[in-house]
């Protein structure tokens, strides 16, 4: 695994932890804002990566739902409910 992939894996794990707790995200953003010049860039990149992961997961979810619905036999559905 290359360095780029290792960094992305670590960022993914960080984003997962951050997304589970808004308090942690606030503390990290606050801490990063204290670092001159690069703190806001790091915070922005984490936010961008989190949005990218959300978008990818949403697409995967939609595709799985579509596959499940493709397997449903419409003739067997009860349309009176």
Protein backbone atom coordinates (compact mmCIF):
# COMPACT_ATOMS: atom_id res chain seq x y z
CA UNK A 1 0.00 0.00 0.00
CA UNK A 2 1.42 3.38 -0.97
CA UNK A 3 1.82 6.37 1.29
CA UNK A 4 -1.18 8.08 -0.34
CA UNK A 5 -3.43 5.12 0.43
CA UNK A 6 -2.15 4.89 4.01
CA UNK A 7 -2.91 8.57 4.55
CA UNK A 8 -6.38 8.18 3.05
CA UNK A 9 -7.11 5.18 5.29
CA UNK A 10 -6.07 7.18 8.35
CA UNK A 11 -8.19 10.14 7.21
CA UNK A 12 -11.16 7.81 6.66
CA UNK A 13 -10.81 6.41 10.19
CA UNK A 14 -10.50 9.94 11.60
CA UNK A 15 -13.57 11.09 9.71
CA UNK A 16 -15.53 8.10 10.94
CA UNK A 17 -14.66 8.94 14.54
CA UNK A 18 -15.41 12.62 13.99
CA UNK A 19 -18.74 11.96 12.30
CA UNK A 20 -19.90 9.90 15.28
CA UNK A 21 -19.42 12.80 17.70
CA UNK A 22 -20.08 16.46 16.96
CA UNK A 23 -18.28 17.35 20.20
CA UNK A 24 -15.08 15.73 18.96
CA UNK A 25 -15.45 17.51 15.62
CA UNK A 26 -15.85 20.85 17.40
CA UNK A 27 -12.80 20.23 19.56
CA UNK A 28 -10.68 19.20 16.59
CA UNK A 29 -11.83 22.16 14.48
CA UNK A 30 -11.12 24.49 17.41
CA UNK A 31 -7.70 22.99 17.96
CA UNK A 32 -6.83 23.12 14.28
CA UNK A 33 -7.87 26.76 14.07
CA UNK A 34 -5.10 27.58 16.57
CA UNK A 35 -2.41 26.27 14.20
CA UNK A 36 -1.24 29.19 12.06
CA UNK A 37 -1.53 28.89 8.28
CA UNK A 38 -2.20 25.14 7.99
CA UNK A 39 -4.88 24.53 10.63
CA UNK A 40 -7.76 25.78 8.52
CA UNK A 41 -6.45 23.89 5.48
CA UNK A 42 -6.36 20.63 7.45
CA UNK A 43 -9.86 21.22 8.78
CA UNK A 44 -11.14 21.99 5.29
CA UNK A 45 -9.55 18.87 3.83
CA UNK A 46 -11.11 16.71 6.56
CA UNK A 47 -14.51 18.26 5.84
CA UNK A 48 -14.05 17.72 2.10
CA UNK A 49 -13.07 14.08 2.64
CA UNK A 50 -16.05 13.52 4.95
CA UNK A 51 -18.39 14.91 2.30
CA UNK A 52 -16.76 12.72 -0.36
CA UNK A 53 -17.27 9.62 1.81
CA UNK A 54 -20.89 10.61 2.47
CA UNK A 55 -21.49 11.01 -1.26
CA UNK A 56 -19.87 7.65 -2.08
CA UNK A 57 -21.84 5.86 0.63
CA UNK A 58 -25.08 7.48 -0.53
CA UNK A 59 -24.46 6.26 -4.08
CA UNK A 60 -23.71 2.74 -2.82
CA UNK A 61 -26.88 2.76 -0.71
CA UNK A 62 -28.97 3.92 -3.66
CA UNK A 63 -27.48 1.23 -5.89
CA UNK A 64 -28.19 -1.49 -3.32
CA UNK A 65 -31.79 -0.32 -2.93
CA UNK A 66 -32.17 -0.32 -6.72
CA UNK A 67 -30.84 -3.88 -6.91
CA UNK A 68 -33.25 -4.99 -4.20
CA UNK A 69 -36.19 -3.35 -5.95
CA UNK A 70 -35.21 -4.95 -9.25
CA UNK A 71 -35.68 -8.33 -7.56
CA UNK A 72 -39.21 -7.54 -6.36
CA UNK A 73 -41.99 -9.21 -8.32
CA UNK A 74 -44.57 -6.47 -8.90
CA UNK A 75 -47.32 -9.02 -9.51
CA UNK A 76 -47.01 -10.17 -5.89
CA UNK A 77 -47.35 -6.70 -4.34
CA UNK A 78 -50.49 -5.83 -2.45
CA UNK A 79 -51.47 -2.45 -3.87
CA UNK A 80 -54.50 -1.90 -1.60
CA UNK A 81 -52.42 -0.75 1.42
